[in-house]
Amino acid sequence: MKKYLVFLISFVMIYMVFQIGSGLILTASYIPDFSSIEGNLSQEVVFGKTSIPLLVTLLTATLAYFLFKRNLESQKIK
């Protein structure tokens, strides 16, 4: 169980670093297209598409961890 918690915490930390890093890069490289505005300025803020939620990513990481662990155990038996 301790190995799983270490794996999960390190996975979350790496996930957060990648999310923040990609956000910084995307924000720094964003160039707005003012030609599409054409005079009608709205006060509405529109955000882009969201990525895969953290919960789904954690469930996928958990599944990958246990499948990898099971695969290692099955190879030790042979």
N, C-alpha and C. Protein backbone atom coordinates (compact mmCIF):
# COMPACT_ATOMS: atom_id res chain seq x y z
N MET A 1 0.83 -1.20 0.00
CA MET A 1 0.00 0.00 0.00
C MET A 1 0.87 1.26 0.00
N LYS A 2 2.03 1.17 0.67
CA LYS A 2 2.92 2.33 0.74
C LYS A 2 3.46 2.68 -0.65
N LYS A 3 3.80 1.66 -1.45
CA LYS A 3 4.29 1.91 -2.80
C LYS A 3 3.21 2.57 -3.65
N TYR A 4 1.98 2.15 -3.46
CA TYR A 4 0.88 2.74 -4.21
C TYR A 4 0.70 4.22 -3.86
N LEU A 5 0.77 4.55 -2.58
CA LEU A 5 0.62 5.95 -2.17
C LEU A 5 1.76 6.80 -2.71
N VAL A 6 2.98 6.27 -2.68
CA VAL A 6 4.11 7.01 -3.24
C VAL A 6 3.90 7.22 -4.74
N PHE A 7 3.45 6.18 -5.43
CA PHE A 7 3.18 6.29 -6.86
C PHE A 7 2.10 7.33 -7.12
N LEU A 8 1.02 7.29 -6.37
CA LEU A 8 -0.10 8.20 -6.59
C LEU A 8 0.30 9.65 -6.31
N ILE A 9 1.03 9.89 -5.24
CA ILE A 9 1.45 11.25 -4.92
C ILE A 9 2.42 11.78 -5.97
N SER A 10 3.36 10.94 -6.39
CA SER A 10 4.29 11.40 -7.42
C SER A 10 3.57 11.63 -8.75
N PHE A 11 2.59 10.79 -9.05
CA PHE A 11 1.81 10.97 -10.28
C PHE A 11 1.05 12.29 -10.25
N VAL A 12 0.43 12.61 -9.13
CA VAL A 12 -0.32 13.86 -9.01
C VAL A 12 0.62 15.06 -9.14
N MET A 13 1.79 14.97 -8.53
CA MET A 13 2.74 16.08 -8.61
C MET A 13 3.22 16.29 -10.05
N ILE A 14 3.54 15.20 -10.75
CA ILE A 14 3.97 15.33 -12.14
C ILE A 14 2.83 15.85 -13.01
N TYR A 15 1.62 15.37 -12.75
CA TYR A 15 0.44 15.84 -13.50
C TYR A 15 0.25 17.35 -13.31
N MET A 16 0.39 17.81 -12.09
CA MET A 16 0.21 19.25 -11.82
C MET A 16 1.30 20.08 -12.50
N VAL A 17 2.53 19.60 -12.47
CA VAL A 17 3.63 20.32 -13.12
C VAL A 17 3.37 20.43 -14.62
N PHE A 18 2.94 19.33 -15.25
CA PHE A 18 2.64 19.38 -16.67
C PHE A 18 1.45 20.29 -16.98
N GLN A 19 0.42 20.27 -16.16
CA GLN A 19 -0.73 21.14 -16.39
C GLN A 19 -0.35 22.61 -16.26
N ILE A 20 0.39 22.95 -15.23
CA ILE A 20 0.80 24.34 -15.03
C ILE A 20 1.78 24.76 -16.13
N GLY A 21 2.72 23.88 -16.46
CA GLY A 21 3.68 24.19 -17.51
C GLY A 21 3.02 24.40 -18.86
N SER A 22 2.09 23.53 -19.22
CA SER A 22 1.40 23.69 -20.50
C SER A 22 0.54 24.95 -20.49
N GLY A 23 -0.06 25.26 -19.35
CA GLY A 23 -0.85 26.50 -19.26
C GLY A 23 0.01 27.73 -19.44
N LEU A 24 1.20 27.72 -18.84
CA LEU A 24 2.11 28.85 -19.00
C LEU A 24 2.56 29.01 -20.44
N ILE A 25 2.89 27.90 -21.09
CA ILE A 25 3.34 27.96 -22.49
C ILE A 25 2.20 28.41 -23.40
N LEU A 26 1.00 27.87 -23.20
CA LEU A 26 -0.13 28.27 -24.04
C LEU A 26 -0.51 29.74 -23.83
N THR A 27 -0.44 30.21 -22.59
CA THR A 27 -0.75 31.61 -22.31
C THR A 27 0.29 32.53 -22.91
N ALA A 28 1.56 32.15 -22.81
CA ALA A 28 2.63 32.99 -23.34
C ALA A 28 2.61 33.05 -24.86
N SER A 29 2.18 31.98 -25.51
CA SER A 29 2.20 31.95 -26.97
C SER A 29 0.86 32.34 -27.61
N TYR A 30 -0.11 32.74 -26.81
CA TYR A 30 -1.44 33.09 -27.35
C TYR A 30 -1.39 34.45 -28.03
N ILE A 31 -1.90 34.50 -29.24
CA ILE A 31 -2.01 35.76 -29.98
C ILE A 31 -3.48 35.93 -30.34
N PRO A 32 -4.15 36.95 -29.76
CA PRO A 32 -5.58 37.12 -30.04
C PRO A 32 -5.82 37.54 -31.49
N ASP A 33 -6.95 37.12 -32.02
CA ASP A 33 -7.34 37.45 -33.39
C ASP A 33 -8.36 38.58 -33.34
N PHE A 34 -7.86 39.82 -33.49
CA PHE A 34 -8.74 40.98 -33.40
C PHE A 34 -9.56 41.19 -34.66
N SER A 35 -9.21 40.54 -35.75
CA SER A 35 -9.96 40.73 -36.99
C SER A 35 -11.34 40.09 -36.92
N SER A 36 -11.54 39.12 -36.05
CA SER A 36 -12.84 38.44 -35.95
C SER A 36 -13.82 39.20 -35.07
N ILE A 37 -13.37 40.23 -34.37
CA ILE A 37 -14.26 40.97 -33.47
C ILE A 37 -15.23 41.85 -34.26
N GLU A 38 -14.76 42.61 -35.22
CA GLU A 38 -15.56 43.45 -36.11
C GLU A 38 -16.53 44.37 -35.37
N GLY A 39 -16.08 45.02 -34.35
CA GLY A 39 -16.87 46.05 -33.71
C GLY A 39 -17.86 45.62 -32.66
N ASN A 40 -18.28 44.38 -32.60
CA ASN A 40 -19.24 43.98 -31.58
C ASN A 40 -18.49 43.33 -30.41
N LEU A 41 -18.19 44.15 -29.44
CA LEU A 41 -17.48 43.67 -28.26
C LEU A 41 -18.48 43.19 -27.22
N SER A 42 -18.39 41.95 -26.83
CA SER A 42 -19.29 41.45 -25.80
C SER A 42 -18.55 41.37 -24.48
N GLN A 43 -19.29 41.38 -23.41
CA GLN A 43 -18.70 41.32 -22.08
C GLN A 43 -18.62 39.88 -21.58
N GLU A 44 -18.87 38.93 -22.45
CA GLU A 44 -18.87 37.53 -22.07
C GLU A 44 -17.47 36.94 -22.21
N VAL A 45 -17.06 36.20 -21.21
CA VAL A 45 -15.76 35.54 -21.24
C VAL A 45 -15.96 34.11 -21.67
N VAL A 46 -15.18 33.67 -22.64
CA VAL A 46 -15.28 32.32 -23.15
C VAL A 46 -13.95 31.62 -22.92
N PHE A 47 -13.99 30.49 -22.24
CA PHE A 47 -12.80 29.70 -21.99
C PHE A 47 -12.73 28.56 -22.99
N GLY A 48 -11.55 28.02 -23.18
CA GLY A 48 -11.36 26.92 -24.11
C GLY A 48 -11.89 25.62 -23.54
N LYS A 49 -11.64 24.56 -24.27
CA LYS A 49 -12.09 23.24 -23.84
C LYS A 49 -11.29 22.80 -22.62
N THR A 50 -11.93 22.03 -21.78
CA THR A 50 -11.24 21.52 -20.60
C THR A 50 -10.55 20.21 -20.93
N SER A 51 -9.52 19.91 -20.18
CA SER A 51 -8.81 18.66 -20.39
C SER A 51 -9.48 17.56 -19.56
N ILE A 52 -8.89 16.39 -19.57
CA ILE A 52 -9.41 15.27 -18.80
C ILE A 52 -9.35 15.62 -17.32
N PRO A 53 -10.44 15.46 -16.59
CA PRO A 53 -10.43 15.80 -15.17
C PRO A 53 -9.42 14.96 -14.40
N LEU A 54 -8.95 15.52 -13.31
CA LEU A 54 -7.94 14.87 -12.49
C LEU A 54 -8.43 13.52 -11.96
N LEU A 55 -9.70 13.42 -11.61
CA LEU A 55 -10.23 12.17 -11.07
C LEU A 55 -10.12 11.03 -12.08
N VAL A 56 -10.46 11.30 -13.33
CA VAL A 56 -10.36 10.27 -14.37
C VAL A 56 -8.90 9.88 -14.57
N THR A 57 -8.01 10.85 -14.52
CA THR A 57 -6.59 10.59 -14.68
C THR A 57 -6.07 9.74 -13.52
N LEU A 58 -6.52 10.03 -12.31
CA LEU A 58 -6.10 9.23 -11.15
C LEU A 58 -6.62 7.80 -11.24
N LEU A 59 -7.85 7.64 -11.70
CA LEU A 59 -8.39 6.28 -11.87
C LEU A 59 -7.60 5.51 -12.93
N THR A 60 -7.22 6.18 -14.00
CA THR A 60 -6.42 5.54 -15.03
C THR A 60 -5.05 5.16 -14.50
N ALA A 61 -4.44 6.05 -13.71
CA ALA A 61 -3.14 5.75 -13.12
C ALA A 61 -3.23 4.58 -12.14
N THR A 62 -4.30 4.53 -11.37
CA THR A 62 -4.50 3.42 -10.43
C THR A 62 -4.64 2.10 -11.18
N LEU A 63 -5.42 2.10 -12.25
CA LEU A 63 -5.59 0.90 -13.05
C LEU A 63 -4.25 0.47 -13.65
N ALA A 64 -3.49 1.43 -14.16
CA ALA A 64 -2.18 1.11 -14.74
C ALA A 64 -1.24 0.54 -13.69
N TYR A 65 -1.27 1.10 -12.49
CA TYR A 65 -0.40 0.62 -11.42
C TYR A 65 -0.71 -0.83 -11.07
N PHE A 66 -1.98 -1.13 -10.86
CA PHE A 66 -2.34 -2.48 -10.45
C PHE A 66 -2.15 -3.50 -11.59
N LEU A 67 -2.39 -3.09 -12.83
CA LEU A 67 -2.12 -3.99 -13.95
C LEU A 67 -0.63 -4.27 -14.08
N PHE A 68 0.18 -3.26 -13.90
CA PHE A 68 1.63 -3.44 -13.94
C PHE A 68 2.11 -4.34 -12.81
N LYS A 69 1.55 -4.12 -11.63
CA LYS A 69 1.93 -4.93 -10.47
C LYS A 69 1.52 -6.39 -10.70
N ARG A 70 0.34 -6.62 -11.21
CA ARG A 70 -0.13 -7.97 -11.48
C ARG A 70 0.72 -8.65 -12.55
N ASN A 71 1.11 -7.87 -13.55
CA ASN A 71 1.96 -8.41 -14.61
C ASN A 71 3.33 -8.81 -14.05
N LEU A 72 3.89 -8.02 -13.15
CA LEU A 72 5.17 -8.36 -12.53
C LEU A 72 5.05 -9.63 -11.69
N GLU A 73 3.97 -9.75 -10.94
CA GLU A 73 3.77 -10.92 -10.11
C GLU A 73 3.59 -12.17 -10.95
N SER A 74 2.90 -12.06 -12.07
CA SER A 74 2.70 -13.23 -12.93
C SER A 74 4.01 -13.65 -13.60
N GLN A 75 4.90 -12.72 -13.86
CA GLN A 75 6.19 -13.05 -14.44
C GLN A 75 7.10 -13.70 -13.42
N LYS A 76 6.97 -13.35 -12.14
CA LYS A 76 7.77 -13.97 -11.09
C LYS A 76 7.39 -15.43 -10.86
N ILE A 77 6.12 -15.74 -11.07
CA ILE A 77 5.63 -17.10 -10.85
C ILE A 77 6.21 -18.04 -11.89
N LYS A 78 6.34 -17.58 -13.12
CA LYS A 78 6.81 -18.44 -14.22
C LYS A 78 8.26 -18.78 -14.11
